[in-house]
Amino acid sequence: MPREFRIRILEKKDCREAARLRLGAQDWGFLPAMGLSFQIEILKGTCESKWGFGIVCVEEEDKIVGMVYAATNLSNYYKSIFLCRGVMLAFWAFLRILRHPKLVNGLVQYLIYPSTVPFKQIEAEWLTMVVDAKHRNNGIANKLMSALIEEFKKRGIRKFKSTVATKNIITCYLHDKFGFKLLGTFPFCDDLVNIYEYKINTFSQSNSVR
């Protein structure tokens, strides 16, 4: 019998489980290196911010098997996260950096990211998507992507950008599959990163990925 999956908005009660999924499914990038507690605060801040939102894919008993989160205005999203969660983020960052001093460079780049990312005129950004390794090849990424686009549309966003490490071949393929436009490549946190644009007004049911 095929599994049944549901899509819904990320809630605060989901943040610990979603953070564990993020750290377990993705082993590159600065945020996973900052540990579980830091990631939980980011997700809680996302739920609180009017400039951000998250979407989860759940199966039986509401178990989270996939997650995506995004910002409708990246600079305002960052400001709201630091305003609401800055003290706890600083606390967990301090503890993590005490054990791993090399993370300081990543933290600095993360903090200045909104002002340094190319194509700043595209204010909305898809930030992260992860799918539980045990549930891949079930169309979950496609469901999350379609839900992400629809949520952006509901919020009045007509285009958004996305950055993804060039070595993350699966996510780069997903961008190509959904018709994202590659705008360029730039260095970030010791990685080469592709930056993409998606124009929502070109999306229709006829060219959606199922």
C-alpha atoms as a PDB file:
ATOM      1  CA  MET A   1       0.000   0.000   0.000  1.00  0.00           C
ATOM      2  CA  PRO A   2       1.526   3.365  -0.996  1.00  0.00           C
ATOM      3  CA  ARG A   3       2.423   5.792   1.775  1.00  0.00           C
ATOM      4  CA  GLU A   4       0.270   8.849   2.282  1.00  0.00           C
ATOM      5  CA  PHE A   5       1.950  12.207   2.833  1.00  0.00           C
ATOM      6  CA  ARG A   6       0.430  15.529   3.854  1.00  0.00           C
ATOM      7  CA  ILE A   7       1.763  19.039   3.400  1.00  0.00           C
ATOM      8  CA  ARG A   8       1.210  21.711   6.068  1.00  0.00           C
ATOM      9  CA  ILE A   9       2.782  24.871   7.479  1.00  0.00           C
ATOM     10  CA  LEU A  10       5.665  24.502   9.951  1.00  0.00           C
ATOM     11  CA  GLU A  11       4.627  25.173  13.566  1.00  0.00           C
ATOM     12  CA  LYS A  12       6.716  25.833  16.670  1.00  0.00           C
ATOM     13  CA  LYS A  13       5.943  22.383  18.033  1.00  0.00           C
ATOM     14  CA  ASP A  14       7.676  20.945  14.938  1.00  0.00           C
ATOM     15  CA  CYS A  15      10.963  22.804  15.347  1.00  0.00           C
ATOM     16  CA  ARG A  16      12.971  20.226  17.295  1.00  0.00           C
ATOM     17  CA  GLU A  17      11.949  17.370  15.001  1.00  0.00           C
ATOM     18  CA  ALA A  18      12.504  19.501  11.889  1.00  0.00           C
ATOM     19  CA  ALA A  19      15.928  20.608  13.143  1.00  0.00           C
ATOM     20  CA  ARG A  20      16.945  16.980  13.731  1.00  0.00           C
ATOM     21  CA  LEU A  21      15.844  16.173  10.195  1.00  0.00           C
ATOM     22  CA  ARG A  22      17.915  19.062   8.843  1.00  0.00           C
ATOM     23  CA  LEU A  23      21.060  17.984  10.653  1.00  0.00           C
ATOM     24  CA  GLY A  24      20.589  14.328   9.767  1.00  0.00           C
ATOM     25  CA  ALA A  25      19.893  14.836   6.093  1.00  0.00           C
ATOM     26  CA  GLN A  26      22.452  17.486   5.217  1.00  0.00           C
ATOM     27  CA  ASP A  27      26.128  17.299   6.149  1.00  0.00           C
ATOM     28  CA  TRP A  28      27.423  20.447   4.401  1.00  0.00           C
ATOM     29  CA  GLY A  29      26.980  24.131   5.055  1.00  0.00           C
ATOM     30  CA  PHE A  30      27.369  26.435   8.017  1.00  0.00           C
ATOM     31  CA  LEU A  31      24.011  26.022   9.764  1.00  0.00           C
ATOM     32  CA  PRO A  32      24.226  22.237  10.253  1.00  0.00           C
ATOM     33  CA  ALA A  33      27.712  22.746  11.718  1.00  0.00           C
ATOM     34  CA  MET A  34      26.231  25.071  14.364  1.00  0.00           C
ATOM     35  CA  GLY A  35      24.350  22.202  15.954  1.00  0.00           C
ATOM     36  CA  LEU A  36      20.818  21.274  16.947  1.00  0.00           C
ATOM     37  CA  SER A  37      19.977  24.037  19.435  1.00  0.00           C
ATOM     38  CA  PHE A  38      21.071  26.800  17.037  1.00  0.00           C
ATOM     39  CA  GLN A  39      18.967  25.297  14.263  1.00  0.00           C
ATOM     40  CA  ILE A  40      15.925  25.029  16.556  1.00  0.00           C
ATOM     41  CA  GLU A  41      16.165  28.754  17.308  1.00  0.00           C
ATOM     42  CA  ILE A  42      16.354  29.575  13.585  1.00  0.00           C
ATOM     43  CA  LEU A  43      13.202  27.543  12.926  1.00  0.00           C
ATOM     44  CA  LYS A  44      11.337  29.049  15.875  1.00  0.00           C
ATOM     45  CA  GLY A  45      12.293  32.487  14.596  1.00  0.00           C
ATOM     46  CA  THR A  46      11.012  31.526  11.161  1.00  0.00           C
ATOM     47  CA  CYS A  47       7.635  30.603  12.658  1.00  0.00           C
ATOM     48  CA  GLU A  48       7.527  33.956  14.491  1.00  0.00           C
ATOM     49  CA  SER A  49       8.632  36.155  11.609  1.00  0.00           C
ATOM     50  CA  LYS A  50       6.070  37.684   9.281  1.00  0.00           C
ATOM     51  CA  TRP A  51       8.840  37.662   6.676  1.00  0.00           C
ATOM     52  CA  GLY A  52       9.450  33.903   6.825  1.00  0.00           C
ATOM     53  CA  PHE A  53       7.565  30.618   6.663  1.00  0.00           C
ATOM     54  CA  GLY A  54       8.218  26.901   6.712  1.00  0.00           C
ATOM     55  CA  ILE A  55       6.408  23.943   5.179  1.00  0.00           C
ATOM     56  CA  VAL A  56       6.615  20.324   6.291  1.00  0.00           C
ATOM     57  CA  CYS A  57       5.666  17.036   4.706  1.00  0.00           C
ATOM     58  CA  VAL A  58       4.314  14.531   7.243  1.00  0.00           C
ATOM     59  CA  GLU A  59       3.263  10.901   7.175  1.00  0.00           C
ATOM     60  CA  GLU A  60       1.328   8.778   9.653  1.00  0.00           C
ATOM     61  CA  GLU A  61       1.183  10.118  13.225  1.00  0.00           C
ATOM     62  CA  ASP A  62       2.343  13.517  11.912  1.00  0.00           C
ATOM     63  CA  LYS A  63       5.985  12.387  11.601  1.00  0.00           C
ATOM     64  CA  ILE A  64       7.985  14.950   9.613  1.00  0.00           C
ATOM     65  CA  VAL A  65       9.712  13.439   6.575  1.00  0.00           C
ATOM     66  CA  GLY A  66      10.539  16.630   4.694  1.00  0.00           C
ATOM     67  CA  MET A  67      10.851  20.353   5.279  1.00  0.00           C
ATOM     68  CA  VAL A  68      11.408  23.595   3.409  1.00  0.00           C
ATOM     69  CA  TYR A  69      11.599  27.149   4.680  1.00  0.00           C
ATOM     70  CA  ALA A  70      11.896  30.516   2.986  1.00  0.00           C
ATOM     71  CA  ALA A  71      11.786  34.293   3.366  1.00  0.00           C
ATOM     72  CA  THR A  72       9.568  36.750   1.517  1.00  0.00           C
ATOM     73  CA  ASN A  73      12.105  39.502   2.245  1.00  0.00           C
ATOM     74  CA  LEU A  74      15.538  38.173   3.200  1.00  0.00           C
ATOM     75  CA  SER A  75      16.901  41.265   4.968  1.00  0.00           C
ATOM     76  CA  ASN A  76      13.750  41.787   7.029  1.00  0.00           C
ATOM     77  CA  TYR A  77      13.640  38.066   7.814  1.00  0.00           C
ATOM     78  CA  TYR A  78      17.191  38.139   9.209  1.00  0.00           C
ATOM     79  CA  LYS A  79      16.434  41.265  11.242  1.00  0.00           C
ATOM     80  CA  SER A  80      13.318  39.708  12.734  1.00  0.00           C
ATOM     81  CA  ILE A  81      15.154  36.473  13.588  1.00  0.00           C
ATOM     82  CA  PHE A  82      17.919  38.337  15.411  1.00  0.00           C
ATOM     83  CA  LEU A  83      15.438  40.634  17.150  1.00  0.00           C
ATOM     84  CA  CYS A  84      13.332  37.776  18.513  1.00  0.00           C
ATOM     85  CA  ARG A  85      15.961  35.044  18.898  1.00  0.00           C
ATOM     86  CA  GLY A  86      19.276  36.906  18.930  1.00  0.00           C
ATOM     87  CA  VAL A  87      20.121  36.252  22.599  1.00  0.00           C
ATOM     88  CA  MET A  88      19.606  32.504  22.348  1.00  0.00           C
ATOM     89  CA  LEU A  89      21.328  32.328  18.956  1.00  0.00           C
ATOM     90  CA  ALA A  90      24.336  34.159  20.405  1.00  0.00           C
ATOM     91  CA  PHE A  91      24.399  31.806  23.406  1.00  0.00           C
ATOM     92  CA  TRP A  92      24.354  28.620  21.336  1.00  0.00           C
ATOM     93  CA  ALA A  93      26.797  30.076  18.802  1.00  0.00           C
ATOM     94  CA  PHE A  94      29.225  30.994  21.596  1.00  0.00           C
ATOM     95  CA  LEU A  95      29.142  27.471  23.048  1.00  0.00           C
ATOM     96  CA  ARG A  96      29.617  25.899  19.620  1.00  0.00           C
ATOM     97  CA  ILE A  97      32.476  28.205  18.633  1.00  0.00           C
ATOM     98  CA  LEU A  98      34.280  27.488  21.915  1.00  0.00           C
ATOM     99  CA  ARG A  99      34.578  23.880  20.752  1.00  0.00           C
ATOM    100  CA  HIS A 100      35.004  24.645  17.052  1.00  0.00           C
ATOM    101  CA  PRO A 101      36.770  28.031  16.632  1.00  0.00           C
ATOM    102  CA  LYS A 102      36.946  27.648  12.856  1.00  0.00           C
ATOM    103  CA  LEU A 103      33.191  28.268  12.740  1.00  0.00           C
ATOM    104  CA  VAL A 104      33.786  31.986  13.388  1.00  0.00           C
ATOM    105  CA  ASN A 105      34.398  32.623   9.692  1.00  0.00           C
ATOM    106  CA  GLY A 106      31.180  30.826   8.755  1.00  0.00           C
ATOM    107  CA  LEU A 107      29.218  32.800  11.347  1.00  0.00           C
ATOM    108  CA  VAL A 108      30.507  36.112  10.011  1.00  0.00           C
ATOM    109  CA  GLN A 109      29.630  35.146   6.442  1.00  0.00           C
ATOM    110  CA  TYR A 110      26.190  33.994   7.557  1.00  0.00           C
ATOM    111  CA  LEU A 111      25.503  37.289   9.358  1.00  0.00           C
ATOM    112  CA  ILE A 112      26.497  39.426   6.377  1.00  0.00           C
ATOM    113  CA  TYR A 113      24.910  37.114   3.796  1.00  0.00           C
ATOM    114  CA  PRO A 114      21.828  39.279   3.048  1.00  0.00           C
ATOM    115  CA  SER A 115      24.037  42.253   2.149  1.00  0.00           C
ATOM    116  CA  THR A 116      26.564  40.269   0.103  1.00  0.00           C
ATOM    117  CA  VAL A 117      24.456  37.766  -1.835  1.00  0.00           C
ATOM    118  CA  PRO A 118      24.249  38.667  -5.554  1.00  0.00           C
ATOM    119  CA  PHE A 119      20.941  39.842  -7.049  1.00  0.00           C
ATOM    120  CA  LYS A 120      19.796  41.507  -3.807  1.00  0.00           C
ATOM    121  CA  GLN A 121      16.980  43.134  -5.756  1.00  0.00           C
ATOM    122  CA  ILE A 122      15.208  39.744  -5.633  1.00  0.00           C
ATOM    123  CA  GLU A 123      14.126  40.032  -1.999  1.00  0.00           C
ATOM    124  CA  ALA A 124      12.356  36.681  -1.556  1.00  0.00           C
ATOM    125  CA  GLU A 125      14.507  33.568  -1.128  1.00  0.00           C
ATOM    126  CA  TRP A 126      14.047  29.841  -0.733  1.00  0.00           C
ATOM    127  CA  LEU A 127      16.517  29.002   2.041  1.00  0.00           C
ATOM    128  CA  THR A 128      16.569  25.261   2.767  1.00  0.00           C
ATOM    129  CA  MET A 129      14.900  21.991   1.811  1.00  0.00           C
ATOM    130  CA  VAL A 130      15.596  18.571   3.300  1.00  0.00           C
ATOM    131  CA  VAL A 131      13.975  15.153   2.890  1.00  0.00           C
ATOM    132  CA  ASP A 132      14.487  12.207   5.224  1.00  0.00           C
ATOM    133  CA  ALA A 133      16.895   9.796   3.507  1.00  0.00           C
ATOM    134  CA  LYS A 134      14.561   6.858   4.257  1.00  0.00           C
ATOM    135  CA  HIS A 135      11.706   8.543   2.375  1.00  0.00           C
ATOM    136  CA  ARG A 136      13.456   9.752  -0.758  1.00  0.00           C
ATOM    137  CA  ASN A 137      12.231   8.775  -4.219  1.00  0.00           C
ATOM    138  CA  ASN A 138       8.623   9.163  -3.019  1.00  0.00           C
ATOM    139  CA  GLY A 139       8.026  12.540  -4.659  1.00  0.00           C
ATOM    140  CA  ILE A 140       8.346  14.462  -1.385  1.00  0.00           C
ATOM    141  CA  ALA A 141      10.735  17.076  -2.786  1.00  0.00           C
ATOM    142  CA  ASN A 142       8.300  17.722  -5.640  1.00  0.00           C
ATOM    143  CA  LYS A 143       5.414  18.133  -3.175  1.00  0.00           C
ATOM    144  CA  LEU A 144       7.428  20.543  -1.035  1.00  0.00           C
ATOM    145  CA  MET A 145       8.536  22.550  -4.046  1.00  0.00           C
ATOM    146  CA  SER A 146       4.991  22.891  -5.376  1.00  0.00           C
ATOM    147  CA  ALA A 147       3.782  23.904  -1.904  1.00  0.00           C
ATOM    148  CA  LEU A 148       6.625  26.425  -1.581  1.00  0.00           C
ATOM    149  CA  ILE A 149       5.738  28.079  -4.878  1.00  0.00           C
ATOM    150  CA  GLU A 150       2.058  28.180  -3.951  1.00  0.00           C
ATOM    151  CA  GLU A 151       2.793  29.736  -0.536  1.00  0.00           C
ATOM    152  CA  PHE A 152       4.983  32.402  -2.133  1.00  0.00           C
ATOM    153  CA  LYS A 153       2.133  33.084  -4.557  1.00  0.00           C
ATOM    154  CA  LYS A 154      -0.382  33.414  -1.703  1.00  0.00           C
ATOM    155  CA  ARG A 155       1.918  35.947  -0.055  1.00  0.00           C
ATOM    156  CA  GLY A 156       2.042  38.112  -3.166  1.00  0.00           C
ATOM    157  CA  ILE A 157       5.557  37.101  -4.258  1.00  0.00           C
ATOM    158  CA  ARG A 158       6.081  36.835  -8.003  1.00  0.00           C
ATOM    159  CA  LYS A 159       9.734  35.803  -8.080  1.00  0.00           C
ATOM    160  CA  PHE A 160      12.291  34.456  -5.657  1.00  0.00           C
ATOM    161  CA  LYS A 161      15.905  33.368  -5.639  1.00  0.00           C
ATOM    162  CA  SER A 162      17.699  30.362  -4.248  1.00  0.00           C
ATOM    163  CA  THR A 163      21.317  29.463  -3.571  1.00  0.00           C
ATOM    164  CA  VAL A 164      22.665  25.939  -3.506  1.00  0.00           C
ATOM    165  CA  ALA A 165      26.169  24.493  -3.306  1.00  0.00           C
ATOM    166  CA  THR A 166      27.325  23.237  -6.691  1.00  0.00           C
ATOM    167  CA  LYS A 167      28.244  19.904  -5.072  1.00  0.00           C
ATOM    168  CA  ASN A 168      24.610  19.407  -3.998  1.00  0.00           C
ATOM    169  CA  ILE A 169      23.779  17.707  -7.267  1.00  0.00           C
ATOM    170  CA  ILE A 170      20.305  16.508  -6.249  1.00  0.00           C
ATOM    171  CA  THR A 171      19.058  19.977  -5.310  1.00  0.00           C
ATOM    172  CA  CYS A 172      20.621  21.518  -8.422  1.00  0.00           C
ATOM    173  CA  TYR A 173      18.745  18.927 -10.462  1.00  0.00           C
ATOM    174  CA  LEU A 174      15.505  19.834  -8.674  1.00  0.00           C
ATOM    175  CA  HIS A 175      16.021  23.472  -9.670  1.00  0.00           C
ATOM    176  CA  ASP A 176      16.467  22.456 -13.299  1.00  0.00           C
ATOM    177  CA  LYS A 177      13.440  20.177 -13.117  1.00  0.00           C
ATOM    178  CA  PHE A 178      11.157  22.986 -11.972  1.00  0.00           C
ATOM    179  CA  GLY A 179      12.485  25.486 -14.490  1.00  0.00           C
ATOM    180  CA  PHE A 180      14.641  27.745 -12.325  1.00  0.00           C
ATOM    181  CA  LYS A 181      16.974  30.089 -14.200  1.00  0.00           C
ATOM    182  CA  LEU A 182      20.655  29.892 -13.238  1.00  0.00           C
ATOM    183  CA  LEU A 183      21.851  33.463 -12.678  1.00  0.00           C
ATOM    184  CA  GLY A 184      25.464  32.741 -11.759  1.00  0.00           C
ATOM    185  CA  THR A 185      27.912  31.141  -9.342  1.00  0.00           C
ATOM    186  CA  PHE A 186      29.730  32.749  -6.400  1.00  0.00           C
ATOM    187  CA  PRO A 187      31.923  31.663  -3.453  1.00  0.00           C
ATOM    188  CA  PHE A 188      30.317  31.366   0.000  1.00  0.00           C
ATOM    189  CA  CYS A 189      31.559  29.669   3.190  1.00  0.00           C
ATOM    190  CA  ASP A 190      34.351  27.821   1.340  1.00  0.00           C
ATOM    191  CA  ASP A 191      31.876  26.483  -1.250  1.00  0.00           C
ATOM    192  CA  LEU A 192      30.972  27.411  -4.791  1.00  0.00           C
ATOM    193  CA  VAL A 193      27.279  28.272  -4.816  1.00  0.00           C
ATOM    194  CA  ASN A 194      24.808  28.518  -7.681  1.00  0.00           C
ATOM    195  CA  ILE A 195      22.192  31.258  -7.486  1.00  0.00           C
ATOM    196  CA  TYR A 196      18.860  30.686  -9.220  1.00  0.00           C
ATOM    197  CA  GLU A 197      15.709  32.683  -9.954  1.00  0.00           C
ATOM    198  CA  TYR A 198      12.146  31.424 -10.199  1.00  0.00           C
ATOM    199  CA  LYS A 199       9.367  33.580 -11.678  1.00  0.00           C
ATOM    200  CA  ILE A 200       6.066  32.482 -10.233  1.00  0.00           C
ATOM    201  CA  ASN A 201       3.960  34.171 -12.880  1.00  0.00           C
ATOM    202  CA  THR A 202       5.319  31.641 -15.402  1.00  0.00           C
ATOM    203  CA  PHE A 203       4.129  28.682 -13.289  1.00  0.00           C
ATOM    204  CA  SER A 204       0.984  26.853 -14.320  1.00  0.00           C
ATOM    205  CA  GLN A 205      -0.562  23.470 -13.699  1.00  0.00           C
ATOM    206  CA  SER A 206       0.380  22.443 -17.217  1.00  0.00           C
ATOM    207  CA  ASN A 207       4.112  22.601 -16.510  1.00  0.00           C
ATOM    208  CA  SER A 208       4.108  21.518 -12.878  1.00  0.00           C
ATOM    209  CA  VAL A 209       6.211  18.547 -11.836  1.00  0.00           C
ATOM    210  CA  ARG A 210       4.220  15.626 -10.472  1.00  0.00           C
END
